[in-house]
């Protein structure tokens, strides 16, 4: 199987203003509103961006543990 055959691509157009979308992805309240009730968000380069799906599994198996923001340019780029 080639690399292209293993990729999944999906596009969704959301009818919302950029501030609403920015806040949904960059604040704990926003992430909790549509993704998961457990998250760690520190909106700055090097800050945590962790979305956890359960606190029950052992550390390292809860979700996107250890993810960090590389760059932030509000409200257009993460």
Protein backbone atom coordinates (compact mmCIF):
# COMPACT_ATOMS: atom_id res chain seq x y z
CA UNK A 1 0.00 0.00 0.00
CA UNK A 2 1.45 3.38 -0.97
CA UNK A 3 1.64 6.39 1.32
CA UNK A 4 -1.15 8.11 -0.65
CA UNK A 5 -3.43 5.12 -0.14
CA UNK A 6 -2.98 5.28 3.65
CA UNK A 7 -3.95 8.95 3.97
CA UNK A 8 -7.39 10.03 5.03
CA UNK A 9 -8.39 13.56 4.12
CA UNK A 10 -11.51 15.34 5.18
CA UNK A 11 -12.64 18.92 4.74
CA UNK A 12 -15.52 20.54 6.55
CA UNK A 13 -16.73 24.06 6.06
CA UNK A 14 -18.08 25.58 9.25
CA UNK A 15 -20.37 28.57 9.12
CA UNK A 16 -18.86 30.56 11.98
CA UNK A 17 -16.79 33.68 12.36
CA UNK A 18 -13.06 33.28 12.95
CA UNK A 19 -13.22 34.46 16.58
CA UNK A 20 -15.77 31.77 17.46
CA UNK A 21 -13.66 29.07 15.84
CA UNK A 22 -10.44 30.41 17.40
CA UNK A 23 -11.99 30.36 20.86
CA UNK A 24 -13.37 26.86 20.31
CA UNK A 25 -9.88 25.48 19.59
CA UNK A 26 -7.74 27.59 21.91
CA UNK A 27 -9.61 27.73 25.22
CA UNK A 28 -10.51 25.00 27.71
CA UNK A 29 -14.17 26.07 27.63
CA UNK A 30 -14.18 25.95 23.84
CA UNK A 31 -12.64 22.48 23.65
CA UNK A 32 -15.00 21.22 26.35
CA UNK A 33 -17.96 22.54 24.35
CA UNK A 34 -17.43 20.17 21.40
CA UNK A 35 -14.49 17.80 21.88
CA UNK A 36 -13.70 16.52 25.37
CA UNK A 37 -14.35 17.59 28.93
CA UNK A 38 -10.68 17.01 29.83
CA UNK A 39 -8.03 19.28 28.34
CA UNK A 40 -4.94 21.32 29.13
CA UNK A 41 -4.50 24.47 27.05
CA UNK A 42 -1.74 27.04 27.49
CA UNK A 43 -2.00 29.33 24.47
CA UNK A 44 1.61 30.33 23.83
CA UNK A 45 4.55 28.79 21.99
CA UNK A 46 5.68 25.82 24.05
CA UNK A 47 2.38 25.75 25.97
CA UNK A 48 0.40 22.57 26.44
CA UNK A 49 -2.32 21.54 23.97
CA UNK A 50 -3.64 18.30 25.36
CA UNK A 51 -7.08 16.85 24.68
CA UNK A 52 -7.77 13.88 26.94
CA UNK A 53 -10.58 11.44 26.29
CA UNK A 54 -10.43 9.63 29.62
CA UNK A 55 -8.45 10.00 32.83
CA UNK A 56 -8.79 6.28 33.64
CA UNK A 57 -6.12 4.76 31.34
CA UNK A 58 -2.45 4.92 32.33
CA UNK A 59 -0.54 8.09 31.57
CA UNK A 60 0.37 8.20 27.89
CA UNK A 61 -2.88 6.53 26.79
CA UNK A 62 -5.41 9.22 27.71
CA UNK A 63 -5.38 11.28 24.52
CA UNK A 64 -3.02 13.84 23.02
CA UNK A 65 -0.75 13.99 26.07
CA UNK A 66 2.49 15.88 25.63
CA UNK A 67 1.37 17.98 22.65
CA UNK A 68 2.62 21.57 22.61
CA UNK A 69 1.91 24.70 20.59
CA UNK A 70 4.82 25.37 18.23
CA UNK A 71 3.57 28.80 17.16
CA UNK A 72 0.56 31.02 17.80
CA UNK A 73 -0.66 33.91 15.68
CA UNK A 74 -4.15 34.91 16.87
CA UNK A 75 -6.62 34.45 15.33
CA UNK A 76 -5.26 32.82 12.20
CA UNK A 77 -2.56 30.26 12.96
CA UNK A 78 -1.74 27.54 15.48
